[in-house]
Amino acid sequence: GLPQSLIDHILATHTDVSELGRIAAEAGARTLVATHLSPGIPAA
């Protein structure tokens, strides 16, 4: 229920979790640790 302007900002400046597998594969990573999670609220 955040203001749309804040949602737009967050979407423009953070990486969708769906992209992390591709990013890890392209980087040749053996492990990827997802951190700074948004939303970081366990209820959400």
PDB file of all heavy atoms in Angstrom:
ATOM      1  N   GLY A   1       0.794  -1.223   0.000  1.00  0.00           N
ATOM      2  CA  GLY A   1       0.000   0.000   0.000  1.00  0.00           C
ATOM      3  C   GLY A   1       0.828   1.276   0.000  1.00  0.00           C
ATOM      4  O   GLY A   1       0.399   2.298   0.519  1.00  0.00           O
ATOM      5  N   LEU A   2       2.008   1.224  -0.579  1.00  0.00           N
ATOM      6  CA  LEU A   2       2.889   2.394  -0.645  1.00  0.00           C
ATOM      7  C   LEU A   2       2.418   3.357  -1.723  1.00  0.00           C
ATOM      8  O   LEU A   2       1.751   2.956  -2.675  1.00  0.00           O
ATOM      9  CB  LEU A   2       4.320   1.941  -0.962  1.00  0.00           C
ATOM     10  CG  LEU A   2       4.966   0.986   0.030  1.00  0.00           C
ATOM     11  CD1 LEU A   2       6.283   0.464  -0.521  1.00  0.00           C
ATOM     12  CD2 LEU A   2       5.169   1.667   1.364  1.00  0.00           C
ATOM     13  N   PRO A   3       2.810   4.625  -1.620  1.00  0.00           N
ATOM     14  CA  PRO A   3       2.475   5.580  -2.680  1.00  0.00           C
ATOM     15  C   PRO A   3       3.104   5.128  -4.005  1.00  0.00           C
ATOM     16  O   PRO A   3       4.222   4.613  -4.027  1.00  0.00           O
ATOM     17  CB  PRO A   3       3.110   6.890  -2.210  1.00  0.00           C
ATOM     18  CG  PRO A   3       3.384   6.703  -0.756  1.00  0.00           C
ATOM     19  CD  PRO A   3       3.555   5.240  -0.528  1.00  0.00           C
ATOM     20  N   GLN A   4       2.393   5.353  -5.096  1.00  0.00           N
ATOM     21  CA  GLN A   4       2.864   4.902  -6.405  1.00  0.00           C
ATOM     22  C   GLN A   4       4.216   5.512  -6.765  1.00  0.00           C
ATOM     23  O   GLN A   4       5.050   4.853  -7.371  1.00  0.00           O
ATOM     24  CB  GLN A   4       1.837   5.204  -7.493  1.00  0.00           C
ATOM     25  CG  GLN A   4       2.173   4.566  -8.825  1.00  0.00           C
ATOM     26  CD  GLN A   4       2.252   3.039  -8.742  1.00  0.00           C
ATOM     27  OE1 GLN A   4       1.371   2.390  -8.188  1.00  0.00           O
ATOM     28  NE2 GLN A   4       3.316   2.445  -9.275  1.00  0.00           N
ATOM     29  N   SER A   5       4.461   6.746  -6.372  1.00  0.00           N
ATOM     30  CA  SER A   5       5.745   7.378  -6.694  1.00  0.00           C
ATOM     31  C   SER A   5       6.901   6.628  -6.024  1.00  0.00           C
ATOM     32  O   SER A   5       7.972   6.464  -6.619  1.00  0.00           O
ATOM     33  CB  SER A   5       5.751   8.847  -6.287  1.00  0.00           C
ATOM     34  OG  SER A   5       5.545   8.969  -4.881  1.00  0.00           O
ATOM     35  N   LEU A   6       6.703   6.147  -4.811  1.00  0.00           N
ATOM     36  CA  LEU A   6       7.732   5.377  -4.112  1.00  0.00           C
ATOM     37  C   LEU A   6       7.908   4.008  -4.764  1.00  0.00           C
ATOM     38  O   LEU A   6       9.039   3.551  -4.976  1.00  0.00           O
ATOM     39  CB  LEU A   6       7.395   5.221  -2.632  1.00  0.00           C
ATOM     40  CG  LEU A   6       8.379   4.405  -1.794  1.00  0.00           C
ATOM     41  CD1 LEU A   6       9.788   4.984  -1.899  1.00  0.00           C
ATOM     42  CD2 LEU A   6       7.918   4.352  -0.350  1.00  0.00           C
ATOM     43  N   ILE A   7       6.814   3.368  -5.124  1.00  0.00           N
ATOM     44  CA  ILE A   7       6.889   2.072  -5.812  1.00  0.00           C
ATOM     45  C   ILE A   7       7.651   2.229  -7.128  1.00  0.00           C
ATOM     46  O   ILE A   7       8.530   1.427  -7.448  1.00  0.00           O
ATOM     47  CB  ILE A   7       5.482   1.484  -6.047  1.00  0.00           C
ATOM     48  CG1 ILE A   7       4.877   1.057  -4.710  1.00  0.00           C
ATOM     49  CG2 ILE A   7       5.533   0.303  -7.022  1.00  0.00           C
ATOM     50  CD1 ILE A   7       3.436   0.615  -4.787  1.00  0.00           C
ATOM     51  N   ASP A   8       7.343   3.270  -7.896  1.00  0.00           N
ATOM     52  CA  ASP A   8       8.029   3.511  -9.165  1.00  0.00           C
ATOM     53  C   ASP A   8       9.533   3.693  -8.954  1.00  0.00           C
ATOM     54  O   ASP A   8      10.345   3.158  -9.713  1.00  0.00           O
ATOM     55  CB  ASP A   8       7.455   4.740  -9.875  1.00  0.00           C
ATOM     56  CG  ASP A   8       6.030   4.514 -10.367  1.00  0.00           C
ATOM     57  OD1 ASP A   8       5.593   3.345 -10.441  1.00  0.00           O
ATOM     58  OD2 ASP A   8       5.355   5.529 -10.653  1.00  0.00           O
ATOM     59  N   HIS A   9       9.891   4.427  -7.906  1.00  0.00           N
ATOM     60  CA  HIS A   9      11.311   4.637  -7.604  1.00  0.00           C
ATOM     61  C   HIS A   9      11.992   3.310  -7.255  1.00  0.00           C
ATOM     62  O   HIS A   9      13.076   3.013  -7.763  1.00  0.00           O
ATOM     63  CB  HIS A   9      11.472   5.627  -6.446  1.00  0.00           C
ATOM     64  CG  HIS A   9      12.862   5.659  -5.899  1.00  0.00           C
ATOM     65  ND1 HIS A   9      13.919   6.248  -6.572  1.00  0.00           N
ATOM     66  CD2 HIS A   9      13.384   5.135  -4.764  1.00  0.00           C
ATOM     67  CE1 HIS A   9      15.016   6.097  -5.865  1.00  0.00           C
ATOM     68  NE2 HIS A   9      14.726   5.423  -4.766  1.00  0.00           N
ATOM     69  N   ILE A  10      11.391   2.521  -6.415  1.00  0.00           N
ATOM     70  CA  ILE A  10      11.971   1.243  -6.001  1.00  0.00           C
ATOM     71  C   ILE A  10      12.114   0.315  -7.205  1.00  0.00           C
ATOM     72  O   ILE A  10      13.154  -0.323  -7.393  1.00  0.00           O
ATOM     73  CB  ILE A  10      11.130   0.596  -4.883  1.00  0.00           C
ATOM     74  CG1 ILE A  10      11.218   1.456  -3.608  1.00  0.00           C
ATOM     75  CG2 ILE A  10      11.595  -0.832  -4.599  1.00  0.00           C
ATOM     76  CD1 ILE A  10      10.220   1.061  -2.527  1.00  0.00           C
ATOM     77  N   LEU A  11      11.092   0.245  -8.044  1.00  0.00           N
ATOM     78  CA  LEU A  11      11.148  -0.616  -9.234  1.00  0.00           C
ATOM     79  C   LEU A  11      12.258  -0.180 -10.191  1.00  0.00           C
ATOM     80  O   LEU A  11      12.889  -1.022 -10.837  1.00  0.00           O
ATOM     81  CB  LEU A  11       9.802  -0.610  -9.960  1.00  0.00           C
ATOM     82  CG  LEU A  11       8.645  -1.294  -9.229  1.00  0.00           C
ATOM     83  CD1 LEU A  11       7.335  -1.051  -9.978  1.00  0.00           C
ATOM     84  CD2 LEU A  11       8.908  -2.777  -9.054  1.00  0.00           C
ATOM     85  N   ALA A  12      12.511   1.113 -10.272  1.00  0.00           N
ATOM     86  CA  ALA A  12      13.518   1.630 -11.199  1.00  0.00           C
ATOM     87  C   ALA A  12      14.944   1.475 -10.678  1.00  0.00           C
ATOM     88  O   ALA A  12      15.890   1.503 -11.469  1.00  0.00           O
ATOM     89  CB  ALA A  12      13.246   3.106 -11.490  1.00  0.00           C
ATOM     90  N   THR A  13      15.108   1.280  -9.372  1.00  0.00           N
ATOM     91  CA  THR A  13      16.450   1.292  -8.805  1.00  0.00           C
ATOM     92  C   THR A  13      16.876  -0.028  -8.165  1.00  0.00           C
ATOM     93  O   THR A  13      17.968  -0.111  -7.594  1.00  0.00           O
ATOM     94  CB  THR A  13      16.587   2.414  -7.752  1.00  0.00           C
ATOM     95  OG1 THR A  13      15.589   2.231  -6.737  1.00  0.00           O
ATOM     96  CG2 THR A  13      16.427   3.781  -8.394  1.00  0.00           C
ATOM     97  N   HIS A  14      16.042  -1.046  -8.259  1.00  0.00           N
ATOM     98  CA  HIS A  14      16.372  -2.343  -7.674  1.00  0.00           C
ATOM     99  C   HIS A  14      16.152  -3.454  -8.697  1.00  0.00           C
ATOM    100  O   HIS A  14      15.466  -3.264  -9.688  1.00  0.00           O
ATOM    101  CB  HIS A  14      15.538  -2.591  -6.409  1.00  0.00           C
ATOM    102  CG  HIS A  14      15.874  -1.632  -5.316  1.00  0.00           C
ATOM    103  ND1 HIS A  14      16.940  -1.807  -4.483  1.00  0.00           N
ATOM    104  CD2 HIS A  14      15.297  -0.471  -4.945  1.00  0.00           C
ATOM    105  CE1 HIS A  14      17.008  -0.796  -3.629  1.00  0.00           C
ATOM    106  NE2 HIS A  14      16.019   0.036  -3.899  1.00  0.00           N
ATOM    107  N   THR A  15      16.710  -4.617  -8.431  1.00  0.00           N
ATOM    108  CA  THR A  15      16.676  -5.728  -9.377  1.00  0.00           C
ATOM    109  C   THR A  15      15.597  -6.729  -8.990  1.00  0.00           C
ATOM    110  O   THR A  15      15.584  -7.242  -7.864  1.00  0.00           O
ATOM    111  CB  THR A  15      18.041  -6.437  -9.415  1.00  0.00           C
ATOM    112  OG1 THR A  15      19.040  -5.477  -9.732  1.00  0.00           O
ATOM    113  CG2 THR A  15      18.056  -7.551 -10.445  1.00  0.00           C
ATOM    114  N   ASP A  16      14.732  -7.034  -9.933  1.00  0.00           N
ATOM    115  CA  ASP A  16      13.681  -8.033  -9.740  1.00  0.00           C
ATOM    116  C   ASP A  16      14.335  -9.389  -9.468  1.00  0.00           C
ATOM    117  O   ASP A  16      15.268  -9.791 -10.169  1.00  0.00           O
ATOM    118  CB  ASP A  16      12.817  -8.099 -11.001  1.00  0.00           C
ATOM    119  CG  ASP A  16      11.563  -8.929 -10.848  1.00  0.00           C
ATOM    120  OD1 ASP A  16      11.629 -10.040 -10.275  1.00  0.00           O
ATOM    121  OD2 ASP A  16      10.518  -8.478 -11.332  1.00  0.00           O
ATOM    122  N   VAL A  17      13.846 -10.079  -8.464  1.00  0.00           N
ATOM    123  CA  VAL A  17      14.396 -11.389  -8.097  1.00  0.00           C
ATOM    124  C   VAL A  17      14.400 -12.355  -9.280  1.00  0.00           C
ATOM    125  O   VAL A  17      15.274 -13.215  -9.382  1.00  0.00           O
ATOM    126  CB  VAL A  17      13.636 -11.976  -6.875  1.00  0.00           C
ATOM    127  CG1 VAL A  17      12.181 -12.264  -7.212  1.00  0.00           C
ATOM    128  CG2 VAL A  17      14.327 -13.211  -6.338  1.00  0.00           C
ATOM    129  N   SER A  18      13.485 -12.190 -10.206  1.00  0.00           N
ATOM    130  CA  SER A  18      13.420 -13.086 -11.364  1.00  0.00           C
ATOM    131  C   SER A  18      14.651 -12.969 -12.260  1.00  0.00           C
ATOM    132  O   SER A  18      14.919 -13.862 -13.058  1.00  0.00           O
ATOM    133  CB  SER A  18      12.148 -12.820 -12.173  1.00  0.00           C
ATOM    134  OG  SER A  18      12.202 -11.541 -12.782  1.00  0.00           O
ATOM    135  N   GLU A  19      15.425 -11.897 -12.135  1.00  0.00           N
ATOM    136  CA  GLU A  19      16.618 -11.677 -12.950  1.00  0.00           C
ATOM    137  C   GLU A  19      17.892 -12.255 -12.333  1.00  0.00           C
ATOM    138  O   GLU A  19      18.930 -12.331 -12.991  1.00  0.00           O
ATOM    139  CB  GLU A  19      16.824 -10.184 -13.186  1.00  0.00           C
ATOM    140  CG  GLU A  19      15.733  -9.543 -14.006  1.00  0.00           C
ATOM    141  CD  GLU A  19      15.728 -10.065 -15.430  1.00  0.00           C
ATOM    142  OE1 GLU A  19      16.804 -10.182 -16.033  1.00  0.00           O
ATOM    143  OE2 GLU A  19      14.637 -10.370 -15.936  1.00  0.00           O
ATOM    144  N   LEU A  20      17.849 -12.657 -11.070  1.00  0.00           N
ATOM    145  CA  LEU A  20      19.076 -13.049 -10.378  1.00  0.00           C
ATOM    146  C   LEU A  20      19.739 -14.294 -10.956  1.00  0.00           C
ATOM    147  O   LEU A  20      20.975 -14.372 -11.005  1.00  0.00           O
ATOM    148  CB  LEU A  20      18.824 -13.227  -8.887  1.00  0.00           C
ATOM    149  CG  LEU A  20      18.415 -11.955  -8.134  1.00  0.00           C
ATOM    150  CD1 LEU A  20      18.362 -12.238  -6.636  1.00  0.00           C
ATOM    151  CD2 LEU A  20      19.322 -10.797  -8.434  1.00  0.00           C
ATOM    152  N   GLY A  21      18.968 -15.270 -11.402  1.00  0.00           N
ATOM    153  CA  GLY A  21      19.557 -16.460 -12.015  1.00  0.00           C
ATOM    154  C   GLY A  21      20.349 -16.112 -13.251  1.00  0.00           C
ATOM    155  O   GLY A  21      21.475 -16.587 -13.449  1.00  0.00           O
ATOM    156  N   ARG A  22      19.801 -15.252 -14.095  1.00  0.00           N
ATOM    157  CA  ARG A  22      20.496 -14.817 -15.310  1.00  0.00           C
ATOM    158  C   ARG A  22      21.764 -14.044 -14.957  1.00  0.00           C
ATOM    159  O   ARG A  22      22.833 -14.275 -15.536  1.00  0.00           O
ATOM    160  CB  ARG A  22      19.579 -13.941 -16.166  1.00  0.00           C
ATOM    161  CG  ARG A  22      20.253 -13.403 -17.433  1.00  0.00           C
ATOM    162  CD  ARG A  22      19.389 -12.378 -18.149  1.00  0.00           C
ATOM    163  NE  ARG A  22      19.025 -11.242 -17.322  1.00  0.00           N
ATOM    164  CZ  ARG A  22      19.853 -10.221 -17.023  1.00  0.00           C
ATOM    165  NH1 ARG A  22      21.090 -10.202 -17.481  1.00  0.00           N
ATOM    166  NH2 ARG A  22      19.434  -9.218 -16.272  1.00  0.00           N
ATOM    167  N   ILE A  23      21.669 -13.157 -14.003  1.00  0.00           N
ATOM    168  CA  ILE A  23      22.827 -12.357 -13.602  1.00  0.00           C
ATOM    169  C   ILE A  23      23.938 -13.260 -13.065  1.00  0.00           C
ATOM    170  O   ILE A  23      25.108 -13.101 -13.424  1.00  0.00           O
ATOM    171  CB  ILE A  23      22.410 -11.298 -12.556  1.00  0.00           C
ATOM    172  CG1 ILE A  23      21.523 -10.244 -13.232  1.00  0.00           C
ATOM    173  CG2 ILE A  23      23.620 -10.674 -11.883  1.00  0.00           C
ATOM    174  CD1 ILE A  23      20.811  -9.325 -12.272  1.00  0.00           C
ATOM    175  N   ALA A  24      23.576 -14.223 -12.231  1.00  0.00           N
ATOM    176  CA  ALA A  24      24.569 -15.149 -11.672  1.00  0.00           C
ATOM    177  C   ALA A  24      25.209 -15.990 -12.776  1.00  0.00           C
ATOM    178  O   ALA A  24      26.427 -16.181 -12.795  1.00  0.00           O
ATOM    179  CB  ALA A  24      23.929 -16.048 -10.626  1.00  0.00           C
ATOM    180  N   ALA A  25      24.395 -16.466 -13.706  1.00  0.00           N
ATOM    181  CA  ALA A  25      24.918 -17.290 -14.807  1.00  0.00           C
ATOM    182  C   ALA A  25      25.873 -16.473 -15.677  1.00  0.00           C
ATOM    183  O   ALA A  25      26.962 -16.942 -16.023  1.00  0.00           O
ATOM    184  CB  ALA A  25      23.770 -17.847 -15.646  1.00  0.00           C
ATOM    185  N   GLU A  26      25.490 -15.259 -16.023  1.00  0.00           N
ATOM    186  CA  GLU A  26      26.340 -14.414 -16.859  1.00  0.00           C
ATOM    187  C   GLU A  26      27.642 -14.042 -16.163  1.00  0.00           C
ATOM    188  O   GLU A  26      28.668 -13.869 -16.810  1.00  0.00           O
ATOM    189  CB  GLU A  26      25.588 -13.145 -17.276  1.00  0.00           C
ATOM    190  CG  GLU A  26      24.501 -13.409 -18.287  1.00  0.00           C
ATOM    191  CD  GLU A  26      23.710 -12.165 -18.655  1.00  0.00           C
ATOM    192  OE1 GLU A  26      24.035 -11.054 -18.164  1.00  0.00           O
ATOM    193  OE2 GLU A  26      22.761 -12.296 -19.441  1.00  0.00           O
ATOM    194  N   ALA A  27      27.603 -13.935 -14.833  1.00  0.00           N
ATOM    195  CA  ALA A  27      28.797 -13.580 -14.072  1.00  0.00           C
ATOM    196  C   ALA A  27      29.707 -14.779 -13.835  1.00  0.00           C
ATOM    197  O   ALA A  27      30.831 -14.616 -13.383  1.00  0.00           O
ATOM    198  CB  ALA A  27      28.396 -12.974 -12.729  1.00  0.00           C
ATOM    199  N   GLY A  28      29.213 -15.978 -14.135  1.00  0.00           N
ATOM    200  CA  GLY A  28      29.996 -17.176 -13.872  1.00  0.00           C
ATOM    201  C   GLY A  28      30.097 -17.474 -12.387  1.00  0.00           C
ATOM    202  O   GLY A  28      31.040 -18.127 -11.940  1.00  0.00           O
ATOM    203  N   ALA A  29      29.124 -17.011 -11.625  1.00  0.00           N
ATOM    204  CA  ALA A  29      29.134 -17.218 -10.176  1.00  0.00           C
ATOM    205  C   ALA A  29      28.846 -18.676  -9.832  1.00  0.00           C
ATOM    206  O   ALA A  29      28.133 -19.360 -10.557  1.00  0.00           O
ATOM    207  CB  ALA A  29      28.083 -16.322  -9.513  1.00  0.00           C
ATOM    208  N   ARG A  30      29.397 -19.124  -8.741  1.00  0.00           N
ATOM    209  CA  ARG A  30      29.072 -20.460  -8.239  1.00  0.00           C
ATOM    210  C   ARG A  30      27.952 -20.386  -7.210  1.00  0.00           C
ATOM    211  O   ARG A  30      27.218 -21.334  -7.018  1.00  0.00           O
ATOM    212  CB  ARG A  30      30.307 -21.110  -7.625  1.00  0.00           C
ATOM    213  CG  ARG A  30      31.343 -21.469  -8.680  1.00  0.00           C
ATOM    214  CD  ARG A  30      32.512 -22.159  -8.069  1.00  0.00           C
ATOM    215  NE  ARG A  30      33.440 -21.129  -7.586  1.00  0.00           N
ATOM    216  CZ  ARG A  30      34.592 -21.363  -7.018  1.00  0.00           C
ATOM    217  NH1 ARG A  30      34.987 -22.593  -6.804  1.00  0.00           N
ATOM    218  NH2 ARG A  30      35.375 -20.377  -6.640  1.00  0.00           N
ATOM    219  N   THR A  31      27.852 -19.233  -6.554  1.00  0.00           N
ATOM    220  CA  THR A  31      26.822 -19.003  -5.545  1.00  0.00           C
ATOM    221  C   THR A  31      26.345 -17.570  -5.662  1.00  0.00           C
ATOM    222  O   THR A  31      27.154 -16.667  -5.873  1.00  0.00           O
ATOM    223  CB  THR A  31      27.389 -19.214  -4.123  1.00  0.00           C
ATOM    224  OG1 THR A  31      27.866 -20.547  -4.001  1.00  0.00           O
ATOM    225  CG2 THR A  31      26.335 -18.964  -3.055  1.00  0.00           C
ATOM    226  N   LEU A  32      25.053 -17.368  -5.525  1.00  0.00           N
ATOM    227  CA  LEU A  32      24.499 -16.025  -5.446  1.00  0.00           C
ATOM    228  C   LEU A  32      23.756 -15.912  -4.126  1.00  0.00           C
ATOM    229  O   LEU A  32      22.948 -16.776  -3.790  1.00  0.00           O
ATOM    230  CB  LEU A  32      23.543 -15.735  -6.597  1.00  0.00           C
ATOM    231  CG  LEU A  32      23.030 -14.291  -6.570  1.00  0.00           C
ATOM    232  CD1 LEU A  32      23.052 -13.694  -7.965  1.00  0.00           C
ATOM    233  CD2 LEU A  32      21.673 -14.177  -5.938  1.00  0.00           C
ATOM    234  N   VAL A  33      24.054 -14.875  -3.364  1.00  0.00           N
ATOM    235  CA  VAL A  33      23.364 -14.607  -2.106  1.00  0.00           C
ATOM    236  C   VAL A  33      22.460 -13.402  -2.334  1.00  0.00           C
ATOM    237  O   VAL A  33      22.932 -12.322  -2.685  1.00  0.00           O
ATOM    238  CB  VAL A  33      24.352 -14.314  -0.954  1.00  0.00           C
ATOM    239  CG1 VAL A  33      23.596 -14.023   0.339  1.00  0.00           C
ATOM    240  CG2 VAL A  33      25.318 -15.476  -0.764  1.00  0.00           C
ATOM    241  N   ALA A  34      21.165 -13.604  -2.157  1.00  0.00           N
ATOM    242  CA  ALA A  34      20.198 -12.514  -2.290  1.00  0.00           C
ATOM    243  C   ALA A  34      20.102 -11.794  -0.945  1.00  0.00           C
ATOM    244  O   ALA A  34      19.900 -12.424   0.094  1.00  0.00           O
ATOM    245  CB  ALA A  34      18.832 -13.058  -2.693  1.00  0.00           C
ATOM    246  N   THR A  35      20.297 -10.484  -0.985  1.00  0.00           N
ATOM    247  CA  THR A  35      20.306  -9.690   0.238  1.00  0.00           C
ATOM    248  C   THR A  35      19.577  -8.378  -0.010  1.00  0.00           C
ATOM    249  O   THR A  35      19.138  -8.117  -1.129  1.00  0.00           O
ATOM    250  CB  THR A  35      21.765  -9.463   0.705  1.00  0.00           C
ATOM    251  OG1 THR A  35      21.754  -8.811   1.965  1.00  0.00           O
ATOM    252  CG2 THR A  35      22.553  -8.676  -0.299  1.00  0.00           C
ATOM    253  N   HIS A  36      19.438  -7.564   1.014  1.00  0.00           N
ATOM    254  CA  HIS A  36      18.742  -6.276   0.901  1.00  0.00           C
ATOM    255  C   HIS A  36      17.401  -6.511   0.203  1.00  0.00           C
ATOM    256  O   HIS A  36      17.087  -5.924  -0.832  1.00  0.00           O
ATOM    257  CB  HIS A  36      19.601  -5.266   0.146  1.00  0.00           C
ATOM    258  CG  HIS A  36      19.064  -3.872   0.188  1.00  0.00           C
ATOM    259  ND1 HIS A  36      19.000  -3.141   1.354  1.00  0.00           N
ATOM    260  CD2 HIS A  36      18.559  -3.083  -0.779  1.00  0.00           C
ATOM    261  CE1 HIS A  36      18.473  -1.966   1.095  1.00  0.00           C
ATOM    262  NE2 HIS A  36      18.199  -1.898  -0.198  1.00  0.00           N
ATOM    263  N   LEU A  37      16.623  -7.433   0.777  1.00  0.00           N
ATOM    264  CA  LEU A  37      15.367  -7.879   0.182  1.00  0.00           C
ATOM    265  C   LEU A  37      14.287  -6.816   0.308  1.00  0.00           C
ATOM    266  O   LEU A  37      14.155  -6.167   1.349  1.00  0.00           O
ATOM    267  CB  LEU A  37      14.904  -9.162   0.870  1.00  0.00           C
ATOM    268  CG  LEU A  37      15.927 -10.293   0.919  1.00  0.00           C
ATOM    269  CD1 LEU A  37      15.390 -11.437   1.753  1.00  0.00           C
ATOM    270  CD2 LEU A  37      16.311 -10.739  -0.468  1.00  0.00           C
ATOM    271  N   SER A  38      13.510  -6.677  -0.748  1.00  0.00           N
ATOM    272  CA  SER A  38      12.404  -5.730  -0.724  1.00  0.00           C
ATOM    273  C   SER A  38      11.178  -6.389  -1.336  1.00  0.00           C
ATOM    274  O   SER A  38      11.240  -6.827  -2.486  1.00  0.00           O
ATOM    275  CB  SER A  38      12.783  -4.476  -1.518  1.00  0.00           C
ATOM    276  OG  SER A  38      11.731  -3.545  -1.477  1.00  0.00           O
ATOM    277  N   PRO A  39      10.099  -6.525  -0.620  1.00  0.00           N
ATOM    278  CA  PRO A  39       9.950  -6.059   0.748  1.00  0.00           C
ATOM    279  C   PRO A  39      10.635  -7.010   1.734  1.00  0.00           C
ATOM    280  O   PRO A  39      10.640  -8.216   1.534  1.00  0.00           O
ATOM    281  CB  PRO A  39       8.442  -6.047   0.964  1.00  0.00           C
ATOM    282  CG  PRO A  39       7.913  -7.083   0.044  1.00  0.00           C
ATOM    283  CD  PRO A  39       8.852  -7.102  -1.138  1.00  0.00           C
ATOM    284  N   GLY A  40      11.177  -6.436   2.770  1.00  0.00           N
ATOM    285  CA  GLY A  40      11.866  -7.219   3.786  1.00  0.00           C
ATOM    286  C   GLY A  40      10.984  -7.558   4.965  1.00  0.00           C
ATOM    287  O   GLY A  40      11.478  -7.954   6.013  1.00  0.00           O
ATOM    288  N   ILE A  41       9.712  -7.406   4.793  1.00  0.00           N
ATOM    289  CA  ILE A  41       8.752  -7.685   5.864  1.00  0.00           C
ATOM    290  C   ILE A  41       8.242  -9.114   5.683  1.00  0.00           C
ATOM    291  O   ILE A  41       7.582  -9.407   4.678  1.00  0.00           O
ATOM    292  CB  ILE A  41       7.574  -6.685   5.801  1.00  0.00           C
ATOM    293  CG1 ILE A  41       8.099  -5.256   5.890  1.00  0.00           C
ATOM    294  CG2 ILE A  41       6.557  -6.978   6.884  1.00  0.00           C
ATOM    295  CD1 ILE A  41       7.083  -4.212   5.490  1.00  0.00           C
ATOM    296  N   PRO A  42       8.554 -10.012   6.619  1.00  0.00           N
ATOM    297  CA  PRO A  42       8.143 -11.415   6.465  1.00  0.00           C
ATOM    298  C   PRO A  42       6.638 -11.598   6.242  1.00  0.00           C
ATOM    299  O   PRO A  42       6.233 -12.513   5.536  1.00  0.00           O
ATOM    300  CB  PRO A  42       8.590 -12.072   7.770  1.00  0.00           C
ATOM    301  CG  PRO A  42       9.723 -11.223   8.239  1.00  0.00           C
ATOM    302  CD  PRO A  42       9.371  -9.816   7.816  1.00  0.00           C
ATOM    303  N   ALA A  43       5.816 -10.727   6.788  1.00  0.00           N
ATOM    304  CA  ALA A  43       4.370 -10.851   6.579  1.00  0.00           C
ATOM    305  C   ALA A  43       3.991 -10.568   5.128  1.00  0.00           C
ATOM    306  O   ALA A  43       2.998 -11.078   4.624  1.00  0.00           O
ATOM    307  CB  ALA A  43       3.617  -9.901   7.511  1.00  0.00           C
ATOM    308  N   ALA A  44       4.814  -9.775   4.425  1.00  0.00           N
ATOM    309  CA  ALA A  44       4.532  -9.442   3.025  1.00  0.00           C
ATOM    310  C   ALA A  44       5.098 -10.500   2.092  1.00  0.00           C
ATOM    311  O   ALA A  44       4.470 -10.864   1.097  1.00  0.00           O
ATOM    312  CB  ALA A  44       5.110  -8.076   2.682  1.00  0.00           C
TER     313      ALA A  44
END
